[in-house]
C-alpha cells in the first residue's frame, strides 16, 4: 500500500486483519504461497488473512529485536 491508500484505510478501517479483508474484497483476493489460486470461500480467505497477519507479526518482531533501539531510560523504566 502506498501512503495515501494506507491513510484512507487507517482512518476508516480498524485493525490489520479488517484492513486486509476490506482491501482484498474491494480490489480482489490474491494468489499466494498459501494458495496458487485466490481463496474463494470465506474460510479460505480468513486463513490467508490469518497467515499474512502471522507473517507480518514475525517480520515486525524481527525488526524490533534486531534493528530497533530503545530511547535512553526506557529499559530502566520497564524494569521498575
PDB file of N, CA and C in Angstrom:
ATOM      1  N   UNK A   1       0.838  -1.183   0.000  1.00  0.00           N
ATOM      2  CA  UNK A   1       0.000   0.000   0.000  1.00  0.00           C
ATOM      3  C   UNK A   1       0.874   1.234   0.000  1.00  0.00           C
ATOM      4  N   UNK A   2       0.450   2.237  -0.762  1.00  0.00           N
ATOM      5  CA  UNK A   2       1.184   3.496  -0.683  1.00  0.00           C
ATOM      6  C   UNK A   2       0.658   4.309   0.502  1.00  0.00           C
ATOM      7  N   UNK A   3       1.317   5.409   0.790  1.00  0.00           N
ATOM      8  CA  UNK A   3       0.988   6.208   1.970  1.00  0.00           C
ATOM      9  C   UNK A   3      -0.448   6.713   1.898  1.00  0.00           C
ATOM     10  N   UNK A   4      -0.869   7.198   0.738  1.00  0.00           N
ATOM     11  CA  UNK A   4      -2.214   7.746   0.604  1.00  0.00           C
ATOM     12  C   UNK A   4      -3.284   6.669   0.830  1.00  0.00           C
ATOM     13  N   UNK A   5      -3.071   5.496   0.260  1.00  0.00           N
ATOM     14  CA  UNK A   5      -4.044   4.403   0.425  1.00  0.00           C
ATOM     15  C   UNK A   5      -4.097   3.945   1.887  1.00  0.00           C
ATOM     16  N   UNK A   6      -2.930   3.814   2.512  1.00  0.00           N
ATOM     17  CA  UNK A   6      -2.908   3.402   3.906  1.00  0.00           C
ATOM     18  C   UNK A   6      -3.585   4.438   4.799  1.00  0.00           C
ATOM     19  N   UNK A   7      -3.422   5.731   4.462  1.00  0.00           N
ATOM     20  CA  UNK A   7      -4.073   6.783   5.233  1.00  0.00           C
ATOM     21  C   UNK A   7      -5.585   6.611   5.210  1.00  0.00           C
ATOM     22  N   UNK A   8      -6.138   6.275   4.049  1.00  0.00           N
ATOM     23  CA  UNK A   8      -7.582   6.028   3.952  1.00  0.00           C
ATOM     24  C   UNK A   8      -7.964   4.830   4.814  1.00  0.00           C
ATOM     25  N   UNK A   9      -7.225   3.739   4.687  1.00  0.00           N
ATOM     26  CA  UNK A   9      -7.531   2.539   5.472  1.00  0.00           C
ATOM     27  C   UNK A   9      -7.413   2.818   6.966  1.00  0.00           C
ATOM     28  N   UNK A  10      -6.349   3.501   7.337  1.00  0.00           N
ATOM     29  CA  UNK A  10      -6.091   3.771   8.746  1.00  0.00           C
ATOM     30  C   UNK A  10      -7.205   4.597   9.377  1.00  0.00           C
ATOM     31  N   UNK A  11      -7.795   5.473   8.599  1.00  0.00           N
ATOM     32  CA  UNK A  11      -8.826   6.358   9.129  1.00  0.00           C
ATOM     33  C   UNK A  11     -10.244   5.849   8.919  1.00  0.00           C
ATOM     34  N   UNK A  12     -10.394   4.689   8.275  1.00  0.00           N
ATOM     35  CA  UNK A  12     -11.743   4.156   8.059  1.00  0.00           C
ATOM     36  C   UNK A  12     -11.918   2.716   8.530  1.00  0.00           C
ATOM     37  N   UNK A  13     -10.836   1.941   8.557  1.00  0.00           N
ATOM     38  CA  UNK A  13     -10.923   0.522   8.904  1.00  0.00           C
ATOM     39  C   UNK A  13      -9.984   0.246  10.073  1.00  0.00           C
ATOM     40  N   UNK A  14     -10.511  -0.272  11.173  1.00  0.00           N
ATOM     41  CA  UNK A  14      -9.694  -0.554  12.338  1.00  0.00           C
ATOM     42  C   UNK A  14      -9.084  -1.940  12.283  1.00  0.00           C
ATOM     43  N   UNK A  15      -7.815  -2.059  12.650  1.00  0.00           N
ATOM     44  CA  UNK A  15      -7.161  -3.362  12.780  1.00  0.00           C
ATOM     45  C   UNK A  15      -6.568  -3.875  11.482  1.00  0.00           C
ATOM     46  N   UNK A  16      -5.473  -4.603  11.615  1.00  0.00           N
ATOM     47  CA  UNK A  16      -4.762  -5.124  10.450  1.00  0.00           C
ATOM     48  C   UNK A  16      -5.559  -6.122   9.626  1.00  0.00           C
ATOM     49  N   UNK A  17      -6.182  -7.086  10.289  1.00  0.00           N
ATOM     50  CA  UNK A  17      -6.947  -8.093   9.555  1.00  0.00           C
ATOM     51  C   UNK A  17      -8.151  -7.485   8.841  1.00  0.00           C
ATOM     52  N   UNK A  18      -8.929  -6.631   9.516  1.00  0.00           N
ATOM     53  CA  UNK A  18     -10.034  -5.990   8.794  1.00  0.00           C
ATOM     54  C   UNK A  18      -9.563  -5.140   7.613  1.00  0.00           C
ATOM     55  N   UNK A  19      -8.402  -4.490   7.745  1.00  0.00           N
ATOM     56  CA  UNK A  19      -7.862  -3.707   6.627  1.00  0.00           C
ATOM     57  C   UNK A  19      -7.576  -4.619   5.433  1.00  0.00           C
ATOM     58  N   UNK A  20      -6.927  -5.751   5.698  1.00  0.00           N
ATOM     59  CA  UNK A  20      -6.617  -6.682   4.607  1.00  0.00           C
ATOM     60  C   UNK A  20      -7.892  -7.184   3.947  1.00  0.00           C
ATOM     61  N   UNK A  21      -8.865  -7.585   4.751  1.00  0.00           N
ATOM     62  CA  UNK A  21     -10.111  -8.114   4.181  1.00  0.00           C
ATOM     63  C   UNK A  21     -10.837  -7.058   3.352  1.00  0.00           C
ATOM     64  N   UNK A  22     -10.881  -5.825   3.860  1.00  0.00           N
ATOM     65  CA  UNK A  22     -11.533  -4.749   3.128  1.00  0.00           C
ATOM     66  C   UNK A  22     -10.835  -4.528   1.794  1.00  0.00           C
ATOM     67  N   UNK A  23      -9.500  -4.445   1.837  1.00  0.00           N
ATOM     68  CA  UNK A  23      -8.713  -4.216   0.626  1.00  0.00           C
ATOM     69  C   UNK A  23      -8.931  -5.347  -0.386  1.00  0.00           C
ATOM     70  N   UNK A  24      -8.825  -6.588   0.067  1.00  0.00           N
ATOM     71  CA  UNK A  24      -8.973  -7.718  -0.851  1.00  0.00           C
ATOM     72  C   UNK A  24     -10.395  -7.816  -1.399  1.00  0.00           C
ATOM     73  N   UNK A  25     -11.388  -7.524  -0.573  1.00  0.00           N
ATOM     74  CA  UNK A  25     -12.765  -7.557  -1.063  1.00  0.00           C
ATOM     75  C   UNK A  25     -13.000  -6.483  -2.119  1.00  0.00           C
ATOM     76  N   UNK A  26     -12.330  -5.340  -1.981  1.00  0.00           N
ATOM     77  CA  UNK A  26     -12.508  -4.253  -2.939  1.00  0.00           C
ATOM     78  C   UNK A  26     -11.679  -4.449  -4.207  1.00  0.00           C
ATOM     79  N   UNK A  27     -10.425  -4.912  -4.049  1.00  0.00           N
ATOM     80  CA  UNK A  27      -9.501  -4.976  -5.180  1.00  0.00           C
ATOM     81  C   UNK A  27      -9.197  -6.391  -5.663  1.00  0.00           C
ATOM     82  N   UNK A  28      -9.725  -7.394  -4.990  1.00  0.00           N
ATOM     83  CA  UNK A  28      -9.516  -8.778  -5.409  1.00  0.00           C
ATOM     84  C   UNK A  28      -8.582  -9.528  -4.480  1.00  0.00           C
ATOM     85  N   UNK A  29      -8.897 -10.788  -4.285  1.00  0.00           N
ATOM     86  CA  UNK A  29      -8.079 -11.649  -3.432  1.00  0.00           C
ATOM     87  C   UNK A  29      -6.914 -12.189  -4.241  1.00  0.00           C
ATOM     88  N   UNK A  30      -5.707 -12.156  -3.665  1.00  0.00           N
ATOM     89  CA  UNK A  30      -4.519 -12.587  -4.414  1.00  0.00           C
ATOM     90  C   UNK A  30      -4.267 -14.086  -4.310  1.00  0.00           C
ATOM     91  N   UNK A  31      -3.547 -14.599  -5.296  1.00  0.00           N
ATOM     92  CA  UNK A  31      -2.957 -15.921  -5.114  1.00  0.00           C
ATOM     93  C   UNK A  31      -1.710 -15.683  -4.256  1.00  0.00           C
ATOM     94  N   UNK A  32      -1.191 -16.747  -3.673  1.00  0.00           N
ATOM     95  CA  UNK A  32      -0.063 -16.580  -2.758  1.00  0.00           C
ATOM     96  C   UNK A  32       0.674 -17.893  -2.596  1.00  0.00           C
ATOM     97  N   UNK A  33       1.691 -17.880  -1.755  1.00  0.00           N
ATOM     98  CA  UNK A  33       2.394 -19.123  -1.451  1.00  0.00           C
ATOM     99  C   UNK A  33       1.499 -20.063  -0.646  1.00  0.00           C
ATOM    100  N   UNK A  34       0.440 -19.516  -0.048  1.00  0.00           N
ATOM    101  CA  UNK A  34      -0.518 -20.325   0.704  1.00  0.00           C
ATOM    102  C   UNK A  34      -1.449 -21.056  -0.258  1.00  0.00           C
ATOM    103  N   UNK A  35      -1.781 -20.392  -1.365  1.00  0.00           N
ATOM    104  CA  UNK A  35      -2.722 -20.948  -2.332  1.00  0.00           C
ATOM    105  C   UNK A  35      -2.363 -20.437  -3.725  1.00  0.00           C
ATOM    106  N   UNK A  36      -2.247 -21.339  -4.675  1.00  0.00           N
ATOM    107  CA  UNK A  36      -1.894 -20.959  -6.044  1.00  0.00           C
ATOM    108  C   UNK A  36      -3.001 -20.145  -6.710  1.00  0.00           C
ATOM    109  N   UNK A  37      -4.217 -20.288  -6.226  1.00  0.00           N
ATOM    110  CA  UNK A  37      -5.342 -19.521  -6.753  1.00  0.00           C
ATOM    111  C   UNK A  37      -5.928 -18.672  -5.630  1.00  0.00           C
ATOM    112  N   UNK A  38      -6.564 -17.561  -5.965  1.00  0.00           N
ATOM    113  CA  UNK A  38      -7.169 -16.736  -4.916  1.00  0.00           C
ATOM    114  C   UNK A  38      -8.189 -17.526  -4.105  1.00  0.00           C
ATOM    115  N   UNK A  39      -8.259 -17.299  -2.805  1.00  0.00           N
ATOM    116  CA  UNK A  39      -9.224 -18.032  -1.984  1.00  0.00           C
ATOM    117  C   UNK A  39     -10.652 -17.661  -2.383  1.00  0.00           C
ATOM    118  N   UNK A  40     -11.506 -18.670  -2.476  1.00  0.00           N
ATOM    119  CA  UNK A  40     -12.867 -18.413  -2.957  1.00  0.00           C
ATOM    120  C   UNK A  40     -13.927 -18.575  -1.868  1.00  0.00           C
ATOM    121  N   UNK A  41     -13.564 -19.180  -0.755  1.00  0.00           N
ATOM    122  CA  UNK A  41     -14.530 -19.308   0.335  1.00  0.00           C
ATOM    123  C   UNK A  41     -14.130 -18.368   1.468  1.00  0.00           C
ATOM    124  N   UNK A  42     -15.095 -18.037   2.300  1.00  0.00           N
ATOM    125  CA  UNK A  42     -14.795 -17.160   3.434  1.00  0.00           C
ATOM    126  C   UNK A  42     -13.770 -17.796   4.361  1.00  0.00           C
ATOM    127  N   UNK A  43     -13.855 -19.102   4.523  1.00  0.00           N
ATOM    128  CA  UNK A  43     -12.897 -19.815   5.379  1.00  0.00           C
ATOM    129  C   UNK A  43     -11.480 -19.718   4.812  1.00  0.00           C
ATOM    130  N   UNK A  44     -11.333 -19.909   3.504  1.00  0.00           N
ATOM    131  CA  UNK A  44     -10.017 -19.819   2.868  1.00  0.00           C
ATOM    132  C   UNK A  44      -9.496 -18.381   2.909  1.00  0.00           C
ATOM    133  N   UNK A  45     -10.384 -17.406   2.760  1.00  0.00           N
ATOM    134  CA  UNK A  45      -9.980 -16.005   2.850  1.00  0.00           C
ATOM    135  C   UNK A  45      -9.486 -15.678   4.252  1.00  0.00           C
ATOM    136  N   UNK A  46     -10.208 -16.147   5.259  1.00  0.00           N
ATOM    137  CA  UNK A  46      -9.795 -15.905   6.648  1.00  0.00           C
ATOM    138  C   UNK A  46      -8.460 -16.576   6.928  1.00  0.00           C
ATOM    139  N   UNK A  47      -8.259 -17.773   6.388  1.00  0.00           N
ATOM    140  CA  UNK A  47      -6.995 -18.481   6.572  1.00  0.00           C
ATOM    141  C   UNK A  47      -5.841 -17.681   5.981  1.00  0.00           C
ATOM    142  N   UNK A  48      -6.041 -17.115   4.783  1.00  0.00           N
ATOM    143  CA  UNK A  48      -4.995 -16.313   4.158  1.00  0.00           C
ATOM    144  C   UNK A  48      -4.693 -15.079   4.999  1.00  0.00           C
ATOM    145  N   UNK A  49      -5.729 -14.377   5.440  1.00  0.00           N
ATOM    146  CA  UNK A  49      -5.538 -13.184   6.262  1.00  0.00           C
ATOM    147  C   UNK A  49      -4.804 -13.538   7.558  1.00  0.00           C
ATOM    148  N   UNK A  50      -5.187 -14.633   8.186  1.00  0.00           N
ATOM    149  CA  UNK A  50      -4.509 -15.060   9.421  1.00  0.00           C
ATOM    150  C   UNK A  50      -3.029 -15.329   9.165  1.00  0.00           C
ATOM    151  N   UNK A  51      -2.721 -16.003   8.071  1.00  0.00           N
ATOM    152  CA  UNK A  51      -1.320 -16.326   7.761  1.00  0.00           C
ATOM    153  C   UNK A  51      -0.528 -15.076   7.417  1.00  0.00           C
ATOM    154  N   UNK A  52      -1.148 -14.145   6.695  1.00  0.00           N
ATOM    155  CA  UNK A  52      -0.462 -12.889   6.390  1.00  0.00           C
ATOM    156  C   UNK A  52      -0.197 -12.096   7.671  1.00  0.00           C
ATOM    157  N   UNK A  53      -1.176 -12.060   8.555  1.00  0.00           N
ATOM    158  CA  UNK A  53      -1.006 -11.336   9.827  1.00  0.00           C
ATOM    159  C   UNK A  53       0.093 -11.979  10.669  1.00  0.00           C
ATOM    160  N   UNK A  54       0.121 -13.313  10.712  1.00  0.00           N
ATOM    161  CA  UNK A  54       1.172 -14.011  11.464  1.00  0.00           C
ATOM    162  C   UNK A  54       2.555 -13.694  10.891  1.00  0.00           C
ATOM    163  N   UNK A  55       2.657 -13.692   9.556  1.00  0.00           N
ATOM    164  CA  UNK A  55       3.945 -13.385   8.919  1.00  0.00           C
ATOM    165  C   UNK A  55       4.345 -11.947   9.222  1.00  0.00           C
ATOM    166  N   UNK A  56       3.391 -11.022   9.146  1.00  0.00           N
ATOM    167  CA  UNK A  56       3.681  -9.620   9.443  1.00  0.00           C
ATOM    168  C   UNK A  56       4.184  -9.467  10.877  1.00  0.00           C
ATOM    169  N   UNK A  57       3.562 -10.172  11.799  1.00  0.00           N
ATOM    170  CA  UNK A  57       3.971 -10.110  13.197  1.00  0.00           C
ATOM    171  C   UNK A  57       5.403 -10.613  13.367  1.00  0.00           C
ATOM    172  N   UNK A  58       5.743 -11.699  12.700  1.00  0.00           N
ATOM    173  CA  UNK A  58       7.100 -12.240  12.794  1.00  0.00           C
ATOM    174  C   UNK A  58       8.117 -11.260  12.209  1.00  0.00           C
ATOM    175  N   UNK A  59       7.798 -10.639  11.062  1.00  0.00           N
ATOM    176  CA  UNK A  59       8.702  -9.648  10.475  1.00  0.00           C
ATOM    177  C   UNK A  59       8.885  -8.469  11.434  1.00  0.00           C
ATOM    178  N   UNK A  60       7.792  -8.025  12.034  1.00  0.00           N
ATOM    179  CA  UNK A  60       7.845  -6.893  12.959  1.00  0.00           C
ATOM    180  C   UNK A  60       8.706  -7.240  14.178  1.00  0.00           C
ATOM    181  N   UNK A  61       8.499  -8.430  14.740  1.00  0.00           N
ATOM    182  CA  UNK A  61       9.296  -8.843  15.901  1.00  0.00           C
ATOM    183  C   UNK A  61      10.774  -8.894  15.550  1.00  0.00           C
ATOM    184  N   UNK A  62      11.082  -9.379  14.367  1.00  0.00           N
ATOM    185  CA  UNK A  62      12.475  -9.457  13.925  1.00  0.00           C
ATOM    186  C   UNK A  62      13.084  -8.058  13.825  1.00  0.00           C
ATOM    187  N   UNK A  63      12.338  -7.119  13.270  1.00  0.00           N
ATOM    188  CA  UNK A  63      12.832  -5.745  13.157  1.00  0.00           C
ATOM    189  C   UNK A  63      13.066  -5.163  14.542  1.00  0.00           C
ATOM    190  N   UNK A  64      12.120  -5.349  15.438  1.00  0.00           N
ATOM    191  CA  UNK A  64      12.251  -4.801  16.791  1.00  0.00           C
ATOM    192  C   UNK A  64      13.454  -5.410  17.505  1.00  0.00           C
ATOM    193  N   UNK A  65      13.622  -6.718  17.384  1.00  0.00           N
ATOM    194  CA  UNK A  65      14.716  -7.386  18.085  1.00  0.00           C
ATOM    195  C   UNK A  65      16.082  -7.079  17.492  1.00  0.00           C
ATOM    196  N   UNK A  66      16.163  -6.904  16.163  1.00  0.00           N
ATOM    197  CA  UNK A  66      17.470  -6.776  15.514  1.00  0.00           C
ATOM    198  C   UNK A  66      17.852  -5.355  15.134  1.00  0.00           C
ATOM    199  N   UNK A  67      16.883  -4.470  15.001  1.00  0.00           N
ATOM    200  CA  UNK A  67      17.187  -3.146  14.484  1.00  0.00           C
ATOM    201  C   UNK A  67      16.833  -2.028  15.458  1.00  0.00           C
ATOM    202  N   UNK A  68      15.694  -2.122  16.080  1.00  0.00           N
ATOM    203  CA  UNK A  68      15.213  -1.036  16.929  1.00  0.00           C
ATOM    204  C   UNK A  68      16.053  -0.916  18.197  1.00  0.00           C
ATOM    205  N   UNK A  69      16.208   0.306  18.645  1.00  0.00           N
ATOM    206  CA  UNK A  69      16.878   0.550  19.912  1.00  0.00           C
ATOM    207  C   UNK A  69      15.967   1.411  20.784  1.00  0.00           C
ATOM    208  N   UNK A  70      15.994   1.120  22.055  1.00  0.00           N
ATOM    209  CA  UNK A  70      15.152   1.870  22.994  1.00  0.00           C
ATOM    210  C   UNK A  70      15.761   3.237  23.245  1.00  0.00           C
ATOM    211  N   UNK A  71      14.905   4.208  23.446  1.00  0.00           N
ATOM    212  CA  UNK A  71      15.368   5.542  23.814  1.00  0.00           C
ATOM    213  C   UNK A  71      15.975   5.482  25.216  1.00  0.00           C
ATOM    214  N   UNK A  72      16.887   6.393  25.510  1.00  0.00           N
ATOM    215  CA  UNK A  72      17.535   6.390  26.826  1.00  0.00           C
ATOM    216  C   UNK A  72      16.506   6.403  27.963  1.00  0.00           C
ATOM    217  N   UNK A  73      16.697   5.492  28.912  1.00  0.00           N
ATOM    218  CA  UNK A  73      15.843   5.436  30.086  1.00  0.00           C
ATOM    219  C   UNK A  73      14.641   4.511  29.968  1.00  0.00           C
ATOM    220  N   UNK A  74      14.278   4.117  28.758  1.00  0.00           N
ATOM    221  CA  UNK A  74      13.081   3.290  28.573  1.00  0.00           C
ATOM    222  C   UNK A  74      13.245   1.919  29.213  1.00  0.00           C
ATOM    223  N   UNK A  75      14.375   1.268  28.985  1.00  0.00           N
ATOM    224  CA  UNK A  75      14.581  -0.074  29.545  1.00  0.00           C
ATOM    225  C   UNK A  75      14.611  -0.044  31.061  1.00  0.00           C
ATOM    226  N   UNK A  76      15.226   0.990  31.630  1.00  0.00           N
ATOM    227  CA  UNK A  76      15.256   1.124  33.085  1.00  0.00           C
ATOM    228  C   UNK A  76      13.837   1.326  33.614  1.00  0.00           C
ATOM    229  N   UNK A  77      13.056   2.116  32.931  1.00  0.00           N
ATOM    230  CA  UNK A  77      11.681   2.360  33.335  1.00  0.00           C
ATOM    231  C   UNK A  77      10.868   1.055  33.287  1.00  0.00           C
ATOM    232  N   UNK A  78      11.107   0.251  32.278  1.00  0.00           N
ATOM    233  CA  UNK A  78      10.388  -1.028  32.155  1.00  0.00           C
ATOM    234  C   UNK A  78      10.773  -1.994  33.261  1.00  0.00           C
ATOM    235  N   UNK A  79      12.006  -1.907  33.740  1.00  0.00           N
ATOM    236  CA  UNK A  79      12.466  -2.796  34.799  1.00  0.00           C
ATOM    237  C   UNK A  79      11.891  -2.433  36.180  1.00  0.00           C
ATOM    238  N   UNK A  80      11.360  -1.210  36.325  1.00  0.00           N
ATOM    239  CA  UNK A  80      10.803  -0.776  37.623  1.00  0.00           C
ATOM    240  C   UNK A  80       9.502  -1.478  37.924  1.00  0.00           C
TER     241      UNK A  80
END
